[in-house]
C-alpha cells in the first residue's frame, strides 16, 4: 500500500446521480406508468420497477403498489402511504 501526501484545496467532484424513477416527487394517491420499450418483456419490467419502488419506500417510510398493465404496455405504480 502506498499512502500519498496530504493535499489542500482539492475540490470534491460533483456527483451526477441519475434518478431513474419519480418516487421522490409522488404524493399519496398519485400513480405513474412506466412504459415498456419495444422488445422489452412486461414481466421483466415489473421485476425491475417493483423492487425499486419497495426499496425506496423502505428507506423513506413510504409505500407503493405496482401492477402490470397489459393494456397500457407497462407497469403502473401507485403511492399508497
PDB file of N, CA and C in Angstrom:
ATOM      1  N   UNK A   1       0.846  -1.162   0.000  1.00  0.00           N
ATOM      2  CA  UNK A   1       0.000   0.000   0.000  1.00  0.00           C
ATOM      3  C   UNK A   1       0.897   1.232   0.000  1.00  0.00           C
ATOM      4  N   UNK A   2       0.494   2.200  -0.785  1.00  0.00           N
ATOM      5  CA  UNK A   2       1.232   3.456  -0.856  1.00  0.00           C
ATOM      6  C   UNK A   2       0.315   4.589  -0.437  1.00  0.00           C
ATOM      7  N   UNK A   3       0.704   5.328   0.570  1.00  0.00           N
ATOM      8  CA  UNK A   3      -0.090   6.443   1.076  1.00  0.00           C
ATOM      9  C   UNK A   3       0.468   7.718   0.483  1.00  0.00           C
ATOM     10  N   UNK A   4      -0.391   8.515  -0.127  1.00  0.00           N
ATOM     11  CA  UNK A   4       0.030   9.770  -0.743  1.00  0.00           C
ATOM     12  C   UNK A   4       0.176  10.872   0.295  1.00  0.00           C
ATOM     13  N   UNK A   5       0.631  11.994  -0.179  1.00  0.00           N
ATOM     14  CA  UNK A   5       0.818  13.134   0.716  1.00  0.00           C
ATOM     15  C   UNK A   5      -0.512  13.851   0.946  1.00  0.00           C
ATOM     16  N   UNK A   6      -0.606  14.567   2.033  1.00  0.00           N
ATOM     17  CA  UNK A   6      -1.809  15.335   2.357  1.00  0.00           C
ATOM     18  C   UNK A   6      -1.823  16.579   1.476  1.00  0.00           C
ATOM     19  N   UNK A   7      -2.984  16.825   0.847  1.00  0.00           N
ATOM     20  CA  UNK A   7      -3.107  17.954  -0.073  1.00  0.00           C
ATOM     21  C   UNK A   7      -4.241  18.873   0.365  1.00  0.00           C
ATOM     22  N   UNK A   8      -4.111  20.135   0.053  1.00  0.00           N
ATOM     23  CA  UNK A   8      -5.148  21.121   0.351  1.00  0.00           C
ATOM     24  C   UNK A   8      -5.769  21.624  -0.945  1.00  0.00           C
ATOM     25  N   UNK A   9      -6.975  22.123  -0.814  1.00  0.00           N
ATOM     26  CA  UNK A   9      -7.695  22.759  -1.919  1.00  0.00           C
ATOM     27  C   UNK A   9      -7.935  21.829  -3.116  1.00  0.00           C
ATOM     28  N   UNK A  10      -8.146  20.546  -2.849  1.00  0.00           N
ATOM     29  CA  UNK A  10      -8.538  19.618  -3.908  1.00  0.00           C
ATOM     30  C   UNK A  10     -10.065  19.559  -3.861  1.00  0.00           C
ATOM     31  N   UNK A  11     -10.749  20.026  -4.915  1.00  0.00           N
ATOM     32  CA  UNK A  11     -12.216  20.080  -4.883  1.00  0.00           C
ATOM     33  C   UNK A  11     -12.842  18.684  -4.919  1.00  0.00           C
ATOM     34  N   UNK A  12     -13.957  18.560  -4.225  1.00  0.00           N
ATOM     35  CA  UNK A  12     -14.725  17.316  -4.251  1.00  0.00           C
ATOM     36  C   UNK A  12     -15.478  17.280  -5.571  1.00  0.00           C
ATOM     37  N   UNK A  13     -15.385  16.185  -6.325  1.00  0.00           N
ATOM     38  CA  UNK A  13     -16.086  16.132  -7.604  1.00  0.00           C
ATOM     39  C   UNK A  13     -17.606  16.120  -7.414  1.00  0.00           C
ATOM     40  N   UNK A  14     -18.296  16.704  -8.349  1.00  0.00           N
ATOM     41  CA  UNK A  14     -19.754  16.731  -8.318  1.00  0.00           C
ATOM     42  C   UNK A  14     -20.268  15.360  -8.746  1.00  0.00           C
ATOM     43  N   UNK A  15     -21.175  14.817  -7.954  1.00  0.00           N
ATOM     44  CA  UNK A  15     -21.752  13.517  -8.272  1.00  0.00           C
ATOM     45  C   UNK A  15     -22.991  13.740  -9.120  1.00  0.00           C
ATOM     46  N   UNK A  16     -23.049  13.088 -10.235  1.00  0.00           N
ATOM     47  CA  UNK A  16     -24.197  13.203 -11.138  1.00  0.00           C
ATOM     48  C   UNK A  16     -25.002  11.915 -11.057  1.00  0.00           C
ATOM     49  N   UNK A  17     -25.802  11.806 -10.009  1.00  0.00           N
ATOM     50  CA  UNK A  17     -26.609  10.607  -9.871  1.00  0.00           C
ATOM     51  C   UNK A  17     -27.787  10.689 -10.829  1.00  0.00           C
ATOM     52  N   UNK A  18     -28.102   9.582 -11.417  1.00  0.00           N
ATOM     53  CA  UNK A  18     -29.210   9.517 -12.361  1.00  0.00           C
ATOM     54  C   UNK A  18     -30.434   8.979 -11.626  1.00  0.00           C
ATOM     55  N   UNK A  19     -31.453   9.807 -11.500  1.00  0.00           N
ATOM     56  CA  UNK A  19     -32.684   9.370 -10.862  1.00  0.00           C
ATOM     57  C   UNK A  19     -33.557   8.775 -11.951  1.00  0.00           C
ATOM     58  N   UNK A  20     -33.787   7.480 -11.818  1.00  0.00           N
ATOM     59  CA  UNK A  20     -34.500   6.755 -12.860  1.00  0.00           C
ATOM     60  C   UNK A  20     -36.020   6.862 -12.726  1.00  0.00           C
ATOM     61  N   UNK A  21     -36.498   6.825 -11.490  1.00  0.00           N
ATOM     62  CA  UNK A  21     -37.936   6.800 -11.253  1.00  0.00           C
ATOM     63  C   UNK A  21     -38.362   8.024 -10.432  1.00  0.00           C
ATOM     64  N   UNK A  22     -39.625   8.461 -10.540  1.00  0.00           N
ATOM     65  CA  UNK A  22     -40.073   9.683  -9.853  1.00  0.00           C
ATOM     66  C   UNK A  22     -40.648   9.450  -8.451  1.00  0.00           C
ATOM     67  N   UNK A  23     -40.170   8.438  -7.734  1.00  0.00           N
ATOM     68  CA  UNK A  23     -40.752   8.097  -6.428  1.00  0.00           C
ATOM     69  C   UNK A  23     -40.719   9.286  -5.476  1.00  0.00           C
ATOM     70  N   UNK A  24     -39.637  10.029  -5.498  1.00  0.00           N
ATOM     71  CA  UNK A  24     -39.461  11.127  -4.554  1.00  0.00           C
ATOM     72  C   UNK A  24     -40.513  12.227  -4.728  1.00  0.00           C
ATOM     73  N   UNK A  25     -40.977  12.431  -5.934  1.00  0.00           N
ATOM     74  CA  UNK A  25     -41.930  13.502  -6.229  1.00  0.00           C
ATOM     75  C   UNK A  25     -43.399  13.100  -6.052  1.00  0.00           C
ATOM     76  N   UNK A  26     -43.654  11.809  -5.857  1.00  0.00           N
ATOM     77  CA  UNK A  26     -45.038  11.337  -5.813  1.00  0.00           C
ATOM     78  C   UNK A  26     -45.689  11.591  -4.460  1.00  0.00           C
ATOM     79  N   UNK A  27     -46.971  11.958  -4.515  1.00  0.00           N
ATOM     80  CA  UNK A  27     -47.775  12.149  -3.316  1.00  0.00           C
ATOM     81  C   UNK A  27     -48.752  10.974  -3.199  1.00  0.00           C
ATOM     82  N   UNK A  28     -49.279  10.759  -1.999  1.00  0.00           N
ATOM     83  CA  UNK A  28     -50.222   9.668  -1.764  1.00  0.00           C
ATOM     84  C   UNK A  28     -51.410   9.798  -2.713  1.00  0.00           C
ATOM     85  N   UNK A  29     -51.769   8.697  -3.364  1.00  0.00           N
ATOM     86  CA  UNK A  29     -52.885   8.681  -4.307  1.00  0.00           C
ATOM     87  C   UNK A  29     -52.466   8.891  -5.754  1.00  0.00           C
ATOM     88  N   UNK A  30     -51.246   9.332  -5.993  1.00  0.00           N
ATOM     89  CA  UNK A  30     -50.765   9.539  -7.363  1.00  0.00           C
ATOM     90  C   UNK A  30     -50.177   8.246  -7.914  1.00  0.00           C
ATOM     91  N   UNK A  31     -50.172   8.133  -9.229  1.00  0.00           N
ATOM     92  CA  UNK A  31     -49.580   6.969  -9.879  1.00  0.00           C
ATOM     93  C   UNK A  31     -48.774   7.420 -11.089  1.00  0.00           C
ATOM     94  N   UNK A  32     -47.907   6.519 -11.524  1.00  0.00           N
ATOM     95  CA  UNK A  32     -47.102   6.773 -12.710  1.00  0.00           C
ATOM     96  C   UNK A  32     -47.043   5.485 -13.519  1.00  0.00           C
ATOM     97  N   UNK A  33     -47.083   5.629 -14.844  1.00  0.00           N
ATOM     98  CA  UNK A  33     -46.961   4.486 -15.732  1.00  0.00           C
ATOM     99  C   UNK A  33     -45.532   4.428 -16.250  1.00  0.00           C
ATOM    100  N   UNK A  34     -44.870   3.308 -16.022  1.00  0.00           N
ATOM    101  CA  UNK A  34     -43.542   3.068 -16.564  1.00  0.00           C
ATOM    102  C   UNK A  34     -43.762   2.178 -17.787  1.00  0.00           C
ATOM    103  N   UNK A  35     -43.628   2.762 -18.966  1.00  0.00           N
ATOM    104  CA  UNK A  35     -43.917   2.037 -20.199  1.00  0.00           C
ATOM    105  C   UNK A  35     -42.752   1.172 -20.635  1.00  0.00           C
ATOM    106  N   UNK A  36     -43.074   0.012 -21.173  1.00  0.00           N
ATOM    107  CA  UNK A  36     -42.059  -0.886 -21.709  1.00  0.00           C
ATOM    108  C   UNK A  36     -41.612  -0.373 -23.069  1.00  0.00           C
ATOM    109  N   UNK A  37     -40.320  -0.482 -23.314  1.00  0.00           N
ATOM    110  CA  UNK A  37     -39.813  -0.114 -24.627  1.00  0.00           C
ATOM    111  C   UNK A  37     -40.003  -1.292 -25.566  1.00  0.00           C
ATOM    112  N   UNK A  38     -39.932  -1.020 -26.842  1.00  0.00           N
ATOM    113  CA  UNK A  38     -40.149  -2.064 -27.838  1.00  0.00           C
ATOM    114  C   UNK A  38     -39.182  -3.223 -27.611  1.00  0.00           C
ATOM    115  N   UNK A  39     -39.736  -4.422 -27.545  1.00  0.00           N
ATOM    116  CA  UNK A  39     -38.935  -5.620 -27.354  1.00  0.00           C
ATOM    117  C   UNK A  39     -38.722  -6.005 -25.893  1.00  0.00           C
ATOM    118  N   UNK A  40     -39.090  -5.118 -24.948  1.00  0.00           N
ATOM    119  CA  UNK A  40     -38.941  -5.426 -23.527  1.00  0.00           C
ATOM    120  C   UNK A  40     -40.110  -6.266 -23.041  1.00  0.00           C
ATOM    121  N   UNK A  41     -39.835  -7.178 -22.140  1.00  0.00           N
ATOM    122  CA  UNK A  41     -40.860  -8.005 -21.532  1.00  0.00           C
ATOM    123  C   UNK A  41     -41.523  -7.238 -20.395  1.00  0.00           C
ATOM    124  N   UNK A  42     -42.850  -7.262 -20.345  1.00  0.00           N
ATOM    125  CA  UNK A  42     -43.565  -6.595 -19.249  1.00  0.00           C
ATOM    126  C   UNK A  42     -43.233  -7.239 -17.908  1.00  0.00           C
ATOM    127  N   UNK A  43     -43.080  -8.551 -17.913  1.00  0.00           N
ATOM    128  CA  UNK A  43     -42.752  -9.259 -16.677  1.00  0.00           C
ATOM    129  C   UNK A  43     -41.385  -8.815 -16.150  1.00  0.00           C
ATOM    130  N   UNK A  44     -40.400  -8.710 -17.025  1.00  0.00           N
ATOM    131  CA  UNK A  44     -39.070  -8.267 -16.603  1.00  0.00           C
ATOM    132  C   UNK A  44     -39.090  -6.817 -16.131  1.00  0.00           C
ATOM    133  N   UNK A  45     -39.915  -5.983 -16.777  1.00  0.00           N
ATOM    134  CA  UNK A  45     -40.038  -4.594 -16.353  1.00  0.00           C
ATOM    135  C   UNK A  45     -40.602  -4.533 -14.935  1.00  0.00           C
ATOM    136  N   UNK A  46     -41.620  -5.341 -14.654  1.00  0.00           N
ATOM    137  CA  UNK A  46     -42.203  -5.363 -13.307  1.00  0.00           C
ATOM    138  C   UNK A  46     -41.190  -5.861 -12.287  1.00  0.00           C
ATOM    139  N   UNK A  47     -40.338  -6.791 -12.684  1.00  0.00           N
ATOM    140  CA  UNK A  47     -39.305  -7.304 -11.784  1.00  0.00           C
ATOM    141  C   UNK A  47     -38.241  -6.253 -11.468  1.00  0.00           C
ATOM    142  N   UNK A  48     -38.109  -5.234 -12.298  1.00  0.00           N
ATOM    143  CA  UNK A  48     -37.170  -4.145 -12.033  1.00  0.00           C
ATOM    144  C   UNK A  48     -37.836  -3.021 -11.241  1.00  0.00           C
ATOM    145  N   UNK A  49     -39.032  -2.639 -11.665  1.00  0.00           N
ATOM    146  CA  UNK A  49     -39.721  -1.482 -11.095  1.00  0.00           C
ATOM    147  C   UNK A  49     -40.235  -1.761  -9.686  1.00  0.00           C
ATOM    148  N   UNK A  50     -40.838  -2.923  -9.478  1.00  0.00           N
ATOM    149  CA  UNK A  50     -41.408  -3.262  -8.172  1.00  0.00           C
ATOM    150  C   UNK A  50     -40.400  -3.186  -7.037  1.00  0.00           C
ATOM    151  N   UNK A  51     -39.268  -3.889  -7.147  1.00  0.00           N
ATOM    152  CA  UNK A  51     -38.268  -3.810  -6.080  1.00  0.00           C
ATOM    153  C   UNK A  51     -37.680  -2.413  -5.895  1.00  0.00           C
ATOM    154  N   UNK A  52     -37.556  -1.650  -6.972  1.00  0.00           N
ATOM    155  CA  UNK A  52     -37.024  -0.282  -6.859  1.00  0.00           C
ATOM    156  C   UNK A  52     -37.975   0.578  -6.027  1.00  0.00           C
ATOM    157  N   UNK A  53     -39.274   0.460  -6.270  1.00  0.00           N
ATOM    158  CA  UNK A  53     -40.260   1.229  -5.505  1.00  0.00           C
ATOM    159  C   UNK A  53     -40.294   0.760  -4.048  1.00  0.00           C
ATOM    160  N   UNK A  54     -40.244  -0.546  -3.844  1.00  0.00           N
ATOM    161  CA  UNK A  54     -40.267  -1.093  -2.492  1.00  0.00           C
ATOM    162  C   UNK A  54     -39.030  -0.648  -1.690  1.00  0.00           C
ATOM    163  N   UNK A  55     -37.855  -0.688  -2.306  1.00  0.00           N
ATOM    164  CA  UNK A  55     -36.620  -0.270  -1.644  1.00  0.00           C
ATOM    165  C   UNK A  55     -36.687   1.209  -1.262  1.00  0.00           C
ATOM    166  N   UNK A  56     -37.134   2.048  -2.201  1.00  0.00           N
ATOM    167  CA  UNK A  56     -37.264   3.480  -1.909  1.00  0.00           C
ATOM    168  C   UNK A  56     -38.246   3.695  -0.766  1.00  0.00           C
ATOM    169  N   UNK A  57     -39.353   2.959  -0.787  1.00  0.00           N
ATOM    170  CA  UNK A  57     -40.354   3.089   0.260  1.00  0.00           C
ATOM    171  C   UNK A  57     -39.827   2.688   1.621  1.00  0.00           C
ATOM    172  N   UNK A  58     -39.048   1.617   1.691  1.00  0.00           N
ATOM    173  CA  UNK A  58     -38.476   1.174   2.959  1.00  0.00           C
ATOM    174  C   UNK A  58     -37.508   2.210   3.519  1.00  0.00           C
ATOM    175  N   UNK A  59     -36.764   2.864   2.657  1.00  0.00           N
ATOM    176  CA  UNK A  59     -35.777   3.842   3.100  1.00  0.00           C
ATOM    177  C   UNK A  59     -36.404   5.173   3.506  1.00  0.00           C
ATOM    178  N   UNK A  60     -37.594   5.470   3.007  1.00  0.00           N
ATOM    179  CA  UNK A  60     -38.210   6.777   3.257  1.00  0.00           C
ATOM    180  C   UNK A  60     -39.521   6.710   4.035  1.00  0.00           C
ATOM    181  N   UNK A  61     -39.976   5.515   4.403  1.00  0.00           N
ATOM    182  CA  UNK A  61     -41.229   5.391   5.146  1.00  0.00           C
ATOM    183  C   UNK A  61     -42.468   5.541   4.285  1.00  0.00           C
ATOM    184  N   UNK A  62     -42.322   5.359   2.997  1.00  0.00           N
ATOM    185  CA  UNK A  62     -43.456   5.443   2.069  1.00  0.00           C
ATOM    186  C   UNK A  62     -43.817   4.045   1.607  1.00  0.00           C
ATOM    187  N   UNK A  63     -44.961   3.911   0.945  1.00  0.00           N
ATOM    188  CA  UNK A  63     -45.386   2.611   0.426  1.00  0.00           C
ATOM    189  C   UNK A  63     -45.913   2.773  -0.994  1.00  0.00           C
ATOM    190  N   UNK A  64     -45.653   1.760  -1.808  1.00  0.00           N
ATOM    191  CA  UNK A  64     -46.050   1.778  -3.215  1.00  0.00           C
ATOM    192  C   UNK A  64     -46.687   0.452  -3.587  1.00  0.00           C
ATOM    193  N   UNK A  65     -47.582   0.489  -4.549  1.00  0.00           N
ATOM    194  CA  UNK A  65     -48.234  -0.693  -5.098  1.00  0.00           C
ATOM    195  C   UNK A  65     -47.954  -0.724  -6.591  1.00  0.00           C
ATOM    196  N   UNK A  66     -47.493  -1.850  -7.109  1.00  0.00           N
ATOM    197  CA  UNK A  66     -47.202  -1.959  -8.542  1.00  0.00           C
ATOM    198  C   UNK A  66     -48.085  -3.026  -9.174  1.00  0.00           C
ATOM    199  N   UNK A  67     -48.569  -2.722 -10.364  1.00  0.00           N
ATOM    200  CA  UNK A  67     -49.365  -3.683 -11.131  1.00  0.00           C
ATOM    201  C   UNK A  67     -48.930  -3.658 -12.592  1.00  0.00           C
ATOM    202  N   UNK A  68     -48.882  -4.822 -13.177  1.00  0.00           N
ATOM    203  CA  UNK A  68     -48.586  -4.955 -14.597  1.00  0.00           C
ATOM    204  C   UNK A  68     -49.843  -4.570 -15.377  1.00  0.00           C
ATOM    205  N   UNK A  69     -49.730  -3.637 -16.289  1.00  0.00           N
ATOM    206  CA  UNK A  69     -50.881  -3.154 -17.046  1.00  0.00           C
ATOM    207  C   UNK A  69     -50.683  -3.489 -18.521  1.00  0.00           C
ATOM    208  N   UNK A  70     -51.194  -4.634 -18.935  1.00  0.00           N
ATOM    209  CA  UNK A  70     -51.007  -5.087 -20.322  1.00  0.00           C
ATOM    210  C   UNK A  70     -51.622  -4.115 -21.339  1.00  0.00           C
ATOM    211  N   UNK A  71     -52.809  -3.594 -21.020  1.00  0.00           N
ATOM    212  CA  UNK A  71     -53.495  -2.700 -21.959  1.00  0.00           C
ATOM    213  C   UNK A  71     -52.752  -1.379 -22.139  1.00  0.00           C
ATOM    214  N   UNK A  72     -51.917  -0.999 -21.149  1.00  0.00           N
ATOM    215  CA  UNK A  72     -51.136   0.229 -21.245  1.00  0.00           C
ATOM    216  C   UNK A  72     -49.677  -0.054 -21.610  1.00  0.00           C
ATOM    217  N   UNK A  73     -49.347  -1.328 -21.789  1.00  0.00           N
ATOM    218  CA  UNK A  73     -47.998  -1.775 -22.147  1.00  0.00           C
ATOM    219  C   UNK A  73     -46.944  -1.261 -21.162  1.00  0.00           C
ATOM    220  N   UNK A  74     -47.241  -1.475 -19.873  1.00  0.00           N
ATOM    221  CA  UNK A  74     -46.281  -1.029 -18.878  1.00  0.00           C
ATOM    222  C   UNK A  74     -46.645  -1.482 -17.486  1.00  0.00           C
ATOM    223  N   UNK A  75     -45.983  -0.870 -16.523  1.00  0.00           N
ATOM    224  CA  UNK A  75     -46.221  -1.148 -15.109  1.00  0.00           C
ATOM    225  C   UNK A  75     -46.654   0.163 -14.462  1.00  0.00           C
ATOM    226  N   UNK A  76     -47.782   0.119 -13.767  1.00  0.00           N
ATOM    227  CA  UNK A  76     -48.268   1.319 -13.085  1.00  0.00           C
ATOM    228  C   UNK A  76     -47.927   1.189 -11.606  1.00  0.00           C
ATOM    229  N   UNK A  77     -47.430   2.301 -11.053  1.00  0.00           N
ATOM    230  CA  UNK A  77     -47.029   2.338  -9.645  1.00  0.00           C
ATOM    231  C   UNK A  77     -47.832   3.432  -8.944  1.00  0.00           C
ATOM    232  N   UNK A  78     -48.495   3.061  -7.843  1.00  0.00           N
ATOM    233  CA  UNK A  78     -49.252   3.994  -7.026  1.00  0.00           C
ATOM    234  C   UNK A  78     -48.517   4.216  -5.716  1.00  0.00           C
ATOM    235  N   UNK A  79     -48.545   5.432  -5.226  1.00  0.00           N
ATOM    236  CA  UNK A  79     -48.047   5.679  -3.883  1.00  0.00           C
ATOM    237  C   UNK A  79     -49.235   5.544  -2.949  1.00  0.00           C
ATOM    238  N   UNK A  80     -49.117   4.650  -1.971  1.00  0.00           N
ATOM    239  CA  UNK A  80     -50.229   4.355  -1.075  1.00  0.00           C
ATOM    240  C   UNK A  80     -50.054   4.899   0.331  1.00  0.00           C
ATOM    241  N   UNK A  81     -48.838   5.281   0.692  1.00  0.00           N
ATOM    242  CA  UNK A  81     -48.580   5.814   2.040  1.00  0.00           C
ATOM    243  C   UNK A  81     -47.528   6.884   1.971  1.00  0.00           C
TER     244      UNK A  81
END
